[in-house]
């Protein structure tokens, strides 16, 4: 639909997609299971997570996605994030942090 762009975030599962929602200058990304845990996936994006189907691809996807989100300071919604489930990503050296809104 208008204002929706699907972003390849495969690795957790084949064909997994995040959704970029845009309205005017406002943007938000719904990351789904590409970032499955607000502490572990951000602090250690390269770790092998048991729920990922393709460990190498999911780690590369997490790094790429976190780098983009932190650089753009884009708001995000994640399915497994702490309440309220949305916030933004901040770079922390070689890792990242989730900040709830």
PDB file of N, CA and C in Angstrom:
ATOM      1  N   UNK A   1       0.810  -1.180   0.000  1.00  0.00           N
ATOM      2  CA  UNK A   1       0.000   0.000   0.000  1.00  0.00           C
ATOM      3  C   UNK A   1       0.862   1.256   0.000  1.00  0.00           C
ATOM      4  N   UNK A   2       0.247   2.380  -0.185  1.00  0.00           N
ATOM      5  CA  UNK A   2       0.974   3.649  -0.165  1.00  0.00           C
ATOM      6  C   UNK A   2       1.691   3.849   1.162  1.00  0.00           C
ATOM      7  N   UNK A   3       2.949   4.270   1.089  1.00  0.00           N
ATOM      8  CA  UNK A   3       3.715   4.537   2.302  1.00  0.00           C
ATOM      9  C   UNK A   3       4.350   3.320   2.939  1.00  0.00           C
ATOM     10  N   UNK A   4       4.207   2.144   2.333  1.00  0.00           N
ATOM     11  CA  UNK A   4       4.779   0.915   2.887  1.00  0.00           C
ATOM     12  C   UNK A   4       5.869   0.396   1.956  1.00  0.00           C
ATOM     13  N   UNK A   5       7.023   0.096   2.541  1.00  0.00           N
ATOM     14  CA  UNK A   5       8.119  -0.518   1.800  1.00  0.00           C
ATOM     15  C   UNK A   5       8.561  -1.736   2.576  1.00  0.00           C
ATOM     16  N   UNK A   6       8.691  -2.860   1.891  1.00  0.00           N
ATOM     17  CA  UNK A   6       9.129  -4.088   2.539  1.00  0.00           C
ATOM     18  C   UNK A   6      10.639  -4.204   2.422  1.00  0.00           C
ATOM     19  N   UNK A   7      11.285  -4.532   3.542  1.00  0.00           N
ATOM     20  CA  UNK A   7      12.744  -4.575   3.638  1.00  0.00           C
ATOM     21  C   UNK A   7      13.174  -6.007   3.925  1.00  0.00           C
ATOM     22  N   UNK A   8      14.079  -6.527   3.104  1.00  0.00           N
ATOM     23  CA  UNK A   8      14.572  -7.886   3.291  1.00  0.00           C
ATOM     24  C   UNK A   8      15.319  -7.988   4.615  1.00  0.00           C
ATOM     25  N   UNK A   9      14.812  -8.790   5.520  1.00  0.00           N
ATOM     26  CA  UNK A   9      15.488  -9.071   6.798  1.00  0.00           C
ATOM     27  C   UNK A   9      15.548 -10.581   7.005  1.00  0.00           C
ATOM     28  N   UNK A  10      15.796 -11.300   5.917  1.00  0.00           N
ATOM     29  CA  UNK A  10      15.832 -12.759   5.999  1.00  0.00           C
ATOM     30  C   UNK A  10      17.007 -13.225   6.840  1.00  0.00           C
ATOM     31  N   UNK A  11      16.874 -14.423   7.322  1.00  0.00           N
ATOM     32  CA  UNK A  11      17.874 -15.035   8.189  1.00  0.00           C
ATOM     33  C   UNK A  11      17.191 -15.687   9.370  1.00  0.00           C
ATOM     34  N   UNK A  12      16.370 -14.918  10.075  1.00  0.00           N
ATOM     35  CA  UNK A  12      15.591 -15.519  11.162  1.00  0.00           C
ATOM     36  C   UNK A  12      14.720 -16.621  10.566  1.00  0.00           C
ATOM     37  N   UNK A  13      14.053 -16.261   9.473  1.00  0.00           N
ATOM     38  CA  UNK A  13      13.335 -17.237   8.657  1.00  0.00           C
ATOM     39  C   UNK A  13      13.552 -16.844   7.196  1.00  0.00           C
ATOM     40  N   UNK A  14      13.438 -17.795   6.279  1.00  0.00           N
ATOM     41  CA  UNK A  14      13.561 -17.445   4.863  1.00  0.00           C
ATOM     42  C   UNK A  14      12.447 -16.467   4.471  1.00  0.00           C
ATOM     43  N   UNK A  15      12.818 -15.399   3.783  1.00  0.00           N
ATOM     44  CA  UNK A  15      11.823 -14.442   3.313  1.00  0.00           C
ATOM     45  C   UNK A  15      11.316 -13.464   4.356  1.00  0.00           C
ATOM     46  N   UNK A  16      11.883 -13.466   5.559  1.00  0.00           N
ATOM     47  CA  UNK A  16      11.430 -12.534   6.592  1.00  0.00           C
ATOM     48  C   UNK A  16      11.572 -11.102   6.097  1.00  0.00           C
ATOM     49  N   UNK A  17      10.582 -10.276   6.392  1.00  0.00           N
ATOM     50  CA  UNK A  17      10.588  -8.876   5.966  1.00  0.00           C
ATOM     51  C   UNK A  17      10.258  -7.964   7.142  1.00  0.00           C
ATOM     52  N   UNK A  18      10.906  -6.804   7.144  1.00  0.00           N
ATOM     53  CA  UNK A  18      10.499  -5.706   8.013  1.00  0.00           C
ATOM     54  C   UNK A  18       9.656  -4.774   7.139  1.00  0.00           C
ATOM     55  N   UNK A  19       8.902  -3.895   7.780  1.00  0.00           N
ATOM     56  CA  UNK A  19       8.058  -2.970   7.034  1.00  0.00           C
ATOM     57  C   UNK A  19       8.443  -1.547   7.408  1.00  0.00           C
ATOM     58  N   UNK A  20       8.820  -0.768   6.403  1.00  0.00           N
ATOM     59  CA  UNK A  20       9.100   0.652   6.574  1.00  0.00           C
ATOM     60  C   UNK A  20       7.813   1.393   6.274  1.00  0.00           C
ATOM     61  N   UNK A  21       7.344   2.163   7.253  1.00  0.00           N
ATOM     62  CA  UNK A  21       6.106   2.933   7.118  1.00  0.00           C
ATOM     63  C   UNK A  21       6.488   4.401   7.010  1.00  0.00           C
ATOM     64  N   UNK A  22       6.038   5.057   5.935  1.00  0.00           N
ATOM     65  CA  UNK A  22       6.369   6.462   5.707  1.00  0.00           C
ATOM     66  C   UNK A  22       5.101   7.271   5.449  1.00  0.00           C
ATOM     67  N   UNK A  23       5.061   8.460   6.061  1.00  0.00           N
ATOM     68  CA  UNK A  23       3.981   9.404   5.838  1.00  0.00           C
ATOM     69  C   UNK A  23       4.592  10.794   5.878  1.00  0.00           C
ATOM     70  N   UNK A  24       4.664  11.429   4.736  1.00  0.00           N
ATOM     71  CA  UNK A  24       5.356  12.711   4.669  1.00  0.00           C
ATOM     72  C   UNK A  24       6.814  12.516   5.052  1.00  0.00           C
ATOM     73  N   UNK A  25       7.271  13.285   6.048  1.00  0.00           N
ATOM     74  CA  UNK A  25       8.662  13.156   6.514  1.00  0.00           C
ATOM     75  C   UNK A  25       8.806  12.162   7.661  1.00  0.00           C
ATOM     76  N   UNK A  26       7.699  11.625   8.153  1.00  0.00           N
ATOM     77  CA  UNK A  26       7.723  10.677   9.273  1.00  0.00           C
ATOM     78  C   UNK A  26       7.994   9.269   8.762  1.00  0.00           C
ATOM     79  N   UNK A  27       8.859   8.556   9.508  1.00  0.00           N
ATOM     80  CA  UNK A  27       9.203   7.181   9.151  1.00  0.00           C
ATOM     81  C   UNK A  27       9.235   6.321  10.407  1.00  0.00           C
ATOM     82  N   UNK A  28       8.929   5.058  10.246  1.00  0.00           N
ATOM     83  CA  UNK A  28       8.917   4.078  11.324  1.00  0.00           C
ATOM     84  C   UNK A  28       9.172   2.723  10.696  1.00  0.00           C
ATOM     85  N   UNK A  29       9.987   1.887  11.368  1.00  0.00           N
ATOM     86  CA  UNK A  29      10.200   0.543  10.857  1.00  0.00           C
ATOM     87  C   UNK A  29       9.683  -0.485  11.858  1.00  0.00           C
ATOM     88  N   UNK A  30       8.866  -1.394  11.351  1.00  0.00           N
ATOM     89  CA  UNK A  30       8.383  -2.538  12.125  1.00  0.00           C
ATOM     90  C   UNK A  30       9.342  -3.677  11.801  1.00  0.00           C
ATOM     91  N   UNK A  31      10.180  -4.051  12.787  1.00  0.00           N
ATOM     92  CA  UNK A  31      11.270  -4.992  12.509  1.00  0.00           C
ATOM     93  C   UNK A  31      10.893  -6.454  12.698  1.00  0.00           C
ATOM     94  N   UNK A  32       9.740  -6.726  13.253  1.00  0.00           N
ATOM     95  CA  UNK A  32       9.310  -8.113  13.428  1.00  0.00           C
ATOM     96  C   UNK A  32      10.312  -8.910  14.233  1.00  0.00           C
ATOM     97  N   UNK A  33      10.680 -10.080  13.736  1.00  0.00           N
ATOM     98  CA  UNK A  33      11.616 -10.955  14.437  1.00  0.00           C
ATOM     99  C   UNK A  33      13.058 -10.788  13.972  1.00  0.00           C
ATOM    100  N   UNK A  34      13.337  -9.772  13.154  1.00  0.00           N
ATOM    101  CA  UNK A  34      14.719  -9.534  12.720  1.00  0.00           C
ATOM    102  C   UNK A  34      15.588  -9.156  13.916  1.00  0.00           C
ATOM    103  N   UNK A  35      14.989  -8.523  14.913  1.00  0.00           N
ATOM    104  CA  UNK A  35      15.663  -8.180  16.175  1.00  0.00           C
ATOM    105  C   UNK A  35      14.852  -8.836  17.288  1.00  0.00           C
ATOM    106  N   UNK A  36      15.128 -10.101  17.568  1.00  0.00           N
ATOM    107  CA  UNK A  36      14.241 -10.878  18.425  1.00  0.00           C
ATOM    108  C   UNK A  36      14.348 -10.607  19.921  1.00  0.00           C
ATOM    109  N   UNK A  37      15.384  -9.919  20.367  1.00  0.00           N
ATOM    110  CA  UNK A  37      15.541  -9.678  21.800  1.00  0.00           C
ATOM    111  C   UNK A  37      16.211  -8.321  21.981  1.00  0.00           C
ATOM    112  N   UNK A  38      15.565  -7.426  22.728  1.00  0.00           N
ATOM    113  CA  UNK A  38      16.041  -6.047  22.849  1.00  0.00           C
ATOM    114  C   UNK A  38      17.385  -5.920  23.561  1.00  0.00           C
ATOM    115  N   UNK A  39      17.800  -6.897  24.310  1.00  0.00           N
ATOM    116  CA  UNK A  39      19.120  -6.823  24.958  1.00  0.00           C
ATOM    117  C   UNK A  39      20.153  -7.589  24.147  1.00  0.00           C
ATOM    118  N   UNK A  40      19.930  -8.864  23.919  1.00  0.00           N
ATOM    119  CA  UNK A  40      20.927  -9.722  23.277  1.00  0.00           C
ATOM    120  C   UNK A  40      21.174  -9.320  21.824  1.00  0.00           C
ATOM    121  N   UNK A  41      20.135  -9.154  21.027  1.00  0.00           N
ATOM    122  CA  UNK A  41      20.304  -8.850  19.598  1.00  0.00           C
ATOM    123  C   UNK A  41      20.995  -7.510  19.380  1.00  0.00           C
ATOM    124  N   UNK A  42      20.829  -6.570  20.300  1.00  0.00           N
ATOM    125  CA  UNK A  42      21.455  -5.260  20.174  1.00  0.00           C
ATOM    126  C   UNK A  42      22.894  -5.282  20.688  1.00  0.00           C
ATOM    127  N   UNK A  43      23.112  -5.911  21.815  1.00  0.00           N
ATOM    128  CA  UNK A  43      24.449  -5.942  22.416  1.00  0.00           C
ATOM    129  C   UNK A  43      25.392  -6.885  21.680  1.00  0.00           C
ATOM    130  N   UNK A  44      24.858  -7.964  21.148  1.00  0.00           N
ATOM    131  CA  UNK A  44      25.670  -8.979  20.461  1.00  0.00           C
ATOM    132  C   UNK A  44      25.005  -9.387  19.149  1.00  0.00           C
ATOM    133  N   UNK A  45      24.937  -8.483  18.167  1.00  0.00           N
ATOM    134  CA  UNK A  45      24.227  -8.812  16.921  1.00  0.00           C
ATOM    135  C   UNK A  45      24.819  -9.990  16.167  1.00  0.00           C
ATOM    136  N   UNK A  46      26.074 -10.342  16.399  1.00  0.00           N
ATOM    137  CA  UNK A  46      26.702 -11.456  15.701  1.00  0.00           C
ATOM    138  C   UNK A  46      26.505 -12.807  16.363  1.00  0.00           C
ATOM    139  N   UNK A  47      25.909 -12.843  17.541  1.00  0.00           N
ATOM    140  CA  UNK A  47      25.706 -14.124  18.222  1.00  0.00           C
ATOM    141  C   UNK A  47      24.751 -15.006  17.441  1.00  0.00           C
ATOM    142  N   UNK A  48      25.003 -16.292  17.537  1.00  0.00           N
ATOM    143  CA  UNK A  48      24.108 -17.286  16.936  1.00  0.00           C
ATOM    144  C   UNK A  48      22.917 -17.476  17.873  1.00  0.00           C
ATOM    145  N   UNK A  49      21.728 -17.167  17.378  1.00  0.00           N
ATOM    146  CA  UNK A  49      20.514 -17.324  18.184  1.00  0.00           C
ATOM    147  C   UNK A  49      19.797 -18.589  17.741  1.00  0.00           C
ATOM    148  N   UNK A  50      19.384 -19.381  18.706  1.00  0.00           N
ATOM    149  CA  UNK A  50      18.804 -20.696  18.421  1.00  0.00           C
ATOM    150  C   UNK A  50      17.586 -20.626  17.501  1.00  0.00           C
ATOM    151  N   UNK A  51      16.801 -19.564  17.585  1.00  0.00           N
ATOM    152  CA  UNK A  51      15.575 -19.474  16.791  1.00  0.00           C
ATOM    153  C   UNK A  51      15.824 -19.098  15.331  1.00  0.00           C
ATOM    154  N   UNK A  52      17.045 -18.707  14.985  1.00  0.00           N
ATOM    155  CA  UNK A  52      17.343 -18.303  13.616  1.00  0.00           C
ATOM    156  C   UNK A  52      17.564 -19.523  12.728  1.00  0.00           C
ATOM    157  N   UNK A  53      16.959 -19.515  11.554  1.00  0.00           N
ATOM    158  CA  UNK A  53      17.107 -20.614  10.605  1.00  0.00           C
ATOM    159  C   UNK A  53      18.482 -20.566   9.941  1.00  0.00           C
ATOM    160  N   UNK A  54      18.909 -19.370   9.522  1.00  0.00           N
ATOM    161  CA  UNK A  54      20.206 -19.181   8.867  1.00  0.00           C
ATOM    162  C   UNK A  54      21.038 -18.252   9.753  1.00  0.00           C
ATOM    163  N   UNK A  55      21.903 -18.832  10.572  1.00  0.00           N
ATOM    164  CA  UNK A  55      22.641 -18.063  11.585  1.00  0.00           C
ATOM    165  C   UNK A  55      23.523 -16.972  10.976  1.00  0.00           C
ATOM    166  N   UNK A  56      24.252 -17.299   9.928  1.00  0.00           N
ATOM    167  CA  UNK A  56      25.152 -16.310   9.324  1.00  0.00           C
ATOM    168  C   UNK A  56      24.371 -15.152   8.718  1.00  0.00           C
ATOM    169  N   UNK A  57      23.323 -15.478   7.993  1.00  0.00           N
ATOM    170  CA  UNK A  57      22.524 -14.429   7.344  1.00  0.00           C
ATOM    171  C   UNK A  57      21.798 -13.576   8.376  1.00  0.00           C
ATOM    172  N   UNK A  58      21.255 -14.185   9.415  1.00  0.00           N
ATOM    173  CA  UNK A  58      20.530 -13.393  10.418  1.00  0.00           C
ATOM    174  C   UNK A  58      21.484 -12.457  11.162  1.00  0.00           C
ATOM    175  N   UNK A  59      22.707 -12.896  11.447  1.00  0.00           N
ATOM    176  CA  UNK A  59      23.687 -12.031  12.112  1.00  0.00           C
ATOM    177  C   UNK A  59      24.050 -10.855  11.207  1.00  0.00           C
ATOM    178  N   UNK A  60      24.256 -11.111   9.924  1.00  0.00           N
ATOM    179  CA  UNK A  60      24.569 -10.031   8.974  1.00  0.00           C
ATOM    180  C   UNK A  60      23.386  -9.070   8.845  1.00  0.00           C
ATOM    181  N   UNK A  61      22.188  -9.616   8.817  1.00  0.00           N
ATOM    182  CA  UNK A  61      20.976  -8.792   8.737  1.00  0.00           C
ATOM    183  C   UNK A  61      20.847  -7.905   9.961  1.00  0.00           C
ATOM    184  N   UNK A  62      21.070  -8.469  11.161  1.00  0.00           N
ATOM    185  CA  UNK A  62      20.976  -7.664  12.386  1.00  0.00           C
ATOM    186  C   UNK A  62      21.977  -6.518  12.377  1.00  0.00           C
ATOM    187  N   UNK A  63      23.222  -6.818  12.006  1.00  0.00           N
ATOM    188  CA  UNK A  63      24.248  -5.763  11.966  1.00  0.00           C
ATOM    189  C   UNK A  63      23.866  -4.652  10.986  1.00  0.00           C
ATOM    190  N   UNK A  64      23.450  -5.042   9.781  1.00  0.00           N
ATOM    191  CA  UNK A  64      23.077  -4.060   8.757  1.00  0.00           C
ATOM    192  C   UNK A  64      21.880  -3.225   9.215  1.00  0.00           C
ATOM    193  N   UNK A  65      20.876  -3.885   9.742  1.00  0.00           N
ATOM    194  CA  UNK A  65      19.661  -3.208  10.181  1.00  0.00           C
ATOM    195  C   UNK A  65      19.936  -2.266  11.350  1.00  0.00           C
ATOM    196  N   UNK A  66      20.677  -2.730  12.346  1.00  0.00           N
ATOM    197  CA  UNK A  66      20.996  -1.890  13.496  1.00  0.00           C
ATOM    198  C   UNK A  66      21.846  -0.693  13.107  1.00  0.00           C
ATOM    199  N   UNK A  67      22.778  -0.898  12.189  1.00  0.00           N
ATOM    200  CA  UNK A  67      23.603   0.209  11.719  1.00  0.00           C
ATOM    201  C   UNK A  67      22.742   1.262  11.032  1.00  0.00           C
ATOM    202  N   UNK A  68      21.853   0.820  10.156  1.00  0.00           N
ATOM    203  CA  UNK A  68      20.963   1.744   9.450  1.00  0.00           C
ATOM    204  C   UNK A  68      20.046   2.481  10.421  1.00  0.00           C
ATOM    205  N   UNK A  69      19.427   1.741  11.326  1.00  0.00           N
ATOM    206  CA  UNK A  69      18.472   2.344  12.257  1.00  0.00           C
ATOM    207  C   UNK A  69      19.142   3.342  13.192  1.00  0.00           C
ATOM    208  N   UNK A  70      20.348   3.030  13.644  1.00  0.00           N
ATOM    209  CA  UNK A  70      21.049   3.966  14.536  1.00  0.00           C
ATOM    210  C   UNK A  70      21.520   5.198  13.769  1.00  0.00           C
ATOM    211  N   UNK A  71      21.998   5.010  12.543  1.00  0.00           N
ATOM    212  CA  UNK A  71      22.447   6.144  11.735  1.00  0.00           C
ATOM    213  C   UNK A  71      21.294   7.082  11.391  1.00  0.00           C
ATOM    214  N   UNK A  72      20.151   6.512  11.056  1.00  0.00           N
ATOM    215  CA  UNK A  72      18.989   7.307  10.662  1.00  0.00           C
ATOM    216  C   UNK A  72      18.151   7.796  11.845  1.00  0.00           C
ATOM    217  N   UNK A  73      18.442   7.267  13.047  1.00  0.00           N
ATOM    218  CA  UNK A  73      17.639   7.570  14.245  1.00  0.00           C
ATOM    219  C   UNK A  73      16.148   7.344  13.973  1.00  0.00           C
ATOM    220  N   UNK A  74      15.884   6.277  13.233  1.00  0.00           N
ATOM    221  CA  UNK A  74      14.514   5.947  12.854  1.00  0.00           C
ATOM    222  C   UNK A  74      13.795   5.238  13.999  1.00  0.00           C
ATOM    223  N   UNK A  75      12.582   5.649  14.335  1.00  0.00           N
ATOM    224  CA  UNK A  75      11.805   4.931  15.345  1.00  0.00           C
ATOM    225  C   UNK A  75      11.498   3.506  14.868  1.00  0.00           C
ATOM    226  N   UNK A  76      11.436   2.586  15.815  1.00  0.00           N
ATOM    227  CA  UNK A  76      11.166   1.189  15.478  1.00  0.00           C
ATOM    228  C   UNK A  76      10.109   0.609  16.402  1.00  0.00           C
ATOM    229  N   UNK A  77       9.464  -0.436  15.910  1.00  0.00           N
ATOM    230  CA  UNK A  77       8.558  -1.266  16.701  1.00  0.00           C
ATOM    231  C   UNK A  77       9.077  -2.688  16.568  1.00  0.00           C
ATOM    232  N   UNK A  78       9.200  -3.384  17.692  1.00  0.00           N
ATOM    233  CA  UNK A  78       9.635  -4.776  17.684  1.00  0.00           C
ATOM    234  C   UNK A  78       8.630  -5.642  18.406  1.00  0.00           C
ATOM    235  N   UNK A  79       8.484  -6.866  17.952  1.00  0.00           N
ATOM    236  CA  UNK A  79       7.493  -7.766  18.532  1.00  0.00           C
ATOM    237  C   UNK A  79       7.885  -8.274  19.918  1.00  0.00           C
ATOM    238  N   UNK A  80       9.186  -8.310  20.216  1.00  0.00           N
ATOM    239  CA  UNK A  80       9.634  -8.877  21.485  1.00  0.00           C
ATOM    240  C   UNK A  80      10.370  -7.857  22.345  1.00  0.00           C
ATOM    241  N   UNK A  81      10.075  -6.577  22.149  1.00  0.00           N
ATOM    242  CA  UNK A  81      10.725  -5.525  22.920  1.00  0.00           C
ATOM    243  C   UNK A  81       9.950  -5.272  24.204  1.00  0.00           C
ATOM    244  N   UNK A  82      10.625  -4.712  25.210  1.00  0.00           N
ATOM    245  CA  UNK A  82       9.911  -4.391  26.455  1.00  0.00           C
ATOM    246  C   UNK A  82       8.851  -3.310  26.214  1.00  0.00           C
ATOM    247  N   UNK A  83       7.877  -3.276  27.088  1.00  0.00           N
ATOM    248  CA  UNK A  83       6.805  -2.285  26.999  1.00  0.00           C
ATOM    249  C   UNK A  83       7.401  -0.893  26.889  1.00  0.00           C
ATOM    250  N   UNK A  84       6.960  -0.083  26.019  1.00  0.00           N
ATOM    251  CA  UNK A  84       5.763  -0.154  25.167  1.00  0.00           C
ATOM    252  C   UNK A  84       6.004  -0.779  23.801  1.00  0.00           C
ATOM    253  N   UNK A  85       7.189  -1.346  23.562  1.00  0.00           N
ATOM    254  CA  UNK A  85       7.459  -2.062  22.319  1.00  0.00           C
ATOM    255  C   UNK A  85       7.994  -1.217  21.180  1.00  0.00           C
ATOM    256  N   UNK A  86       8.189   0.073  21.446  1.00  0.00           N
ATOM    257  CA  UNK A  86       8.746   0.923  20.394  1.00  0.00           C
ATOM    258  C   UNK A  86       9.781   1.860  20.986  1.00  0.00           C
ATOM    259  N   UNK A  87      10.661   2.358  20.137  1.00  0.00           N
ATOM    260  CA  UNK A  87      11.726   3.239  20.588  1.00  0.00           C
ATOM    261  C   UNK A  87      12.688   3.509  19.454  1.00  0.00           C
ATOM    262  N   UNK A  88      13.974   3.594  19.789  1.00  0.00           N
ATOM    263  CA  UNK A  88      14.986   3.815  18.749  1.00  0.00           C
ATOM    264  C   UNK A  88      16.280   3.108  19.134  1.00  0.00           C
ATOM    265  N   UNK A  89      17.191   3.039  18.169  1.00  0.00           N
ATOM    266  CA  UNK A  89      18.463   2.336  18.327  1.00  0.00           C
ATOM    267  C   UNK A  89      19.582   3.358  18.466  1.00  0.00           C
ATOM    268  N   UNK A  90      20.501   3.063  19.373  1.00  0.00           N
ATOM    269  CA  UNK A  90      21.676   3.910  19.568  1.00  0.00           C
ATOM    270  C   UNK A  90      22.924   3.048  19.469  1.00  0.00           C
ATOM    271  N   UNK A  91      23.930   3.542  18.764  1.00  0.00           N
ATOM    272  CA  UNK A  91      25.207   2.832  18.674  1.00  0.00           C
ATOM    273  C   UNK A  91      25.925   2.955  20.015  1.00  0.00           C
ATOM    274  N   UNK A  92      26.573   1.855  20.428  1.00  0.00           N
ATOM    275  CA  UNK A  92      27.348   1.815  21.674  1.00  0.00           C
ATOM    276  C   UNK A  92      28.661   1.088  21.380  1.00  0.00           C
ATOM    277  N   UNK A  93      29.630   1.796  20.775  1.00  0.00           N
ATOM    278  CA  UNK A  93      30.885   1.154  20.388  1.00  0.00           C
ATOM    279  C   UNK A  93      30.645   0.195  19.247  1.00  0.00           C
ATOM    280  N   UNK A  94      30.968  -1.090  19.442  1.00  0.00           N
ATOM    281  CA  UNK A  94      30.723  -2.115  18.422  1.00  0.00           C
ATOM    282  C   UNK A  94      29.356  -2.750  18.563  1.00  0.00           C
ATOM    283  N   UNK A  95      28.580  -2.294  19.518  1.00  0.00           N
ATOM    284  CA  UNK A  95      27.260  -2.850  19.782  1.00  0.00           C
ATOM    285  C   UNK A  95      26.213  -1.743  19.638  1.00  0.00           C
ATOM    286  N   UNK A  96      24.999  -2.052  20.071  1.00  0.00           N
ATOM    287  CA  UNK A  96      23.882  -1.118  19.973  1.00  0.00           C
ATOM    288  C   UNK A  96      23.053  -1.223  21.241  1.00  0.00           C
ATOM    289  N   UNK A  97      22.211  -0.214  21.463  1.00  0.00           N
ATOM    290  CA  UNK A  97      21.265  -0.232  22.590  1.00  0.00           C
ATOM    291  C   UNK A  97      19.877   0.128  22.085  1.00  0.00           C
ATOM    292  N   UNK A  98      18.881  -0.467  22.713  1.00  0.00           N
ATOM    293  CA  UNK A  98      17.489  -0.114  22.439  1.00  0.00           C
ATOM    294  C   UNK A  98      17.038   0.858  23.519  1.00  0.00           C
ATOM    295  N   UNK A  99      16.424   1.951  23.092  1.00  0.00           N
ATOM    296  CA  UNK A  99      15.851   2.928  24.028  1.00  0.00           C
ATOM    297  C   UNK A  99      14.347   2.968  23.792  1.00  0.00           C
ATOM    298  N   UNK A 100      13.594   2.533  24.778  1.00  0.00           N
ATOM    299  CA  UNK A 100      12.131   2.549  24.666  1.00  0.00           C
ATOM    300  C   UNK A 100      11.638   3.989  24.641  1.00  0.00           C
ATOM    301  N   UNK A 101      10.572   4.196  23.890  1.00  0.00           N
ATOM    302  CA  UNK A 101       9.988   5.537  23.785  1.00  0.00           C
ATOM    303  C   UNK A 101       9.133   5.851  25.006  1.00  0.00           C
TER     304      UNK A 101
END
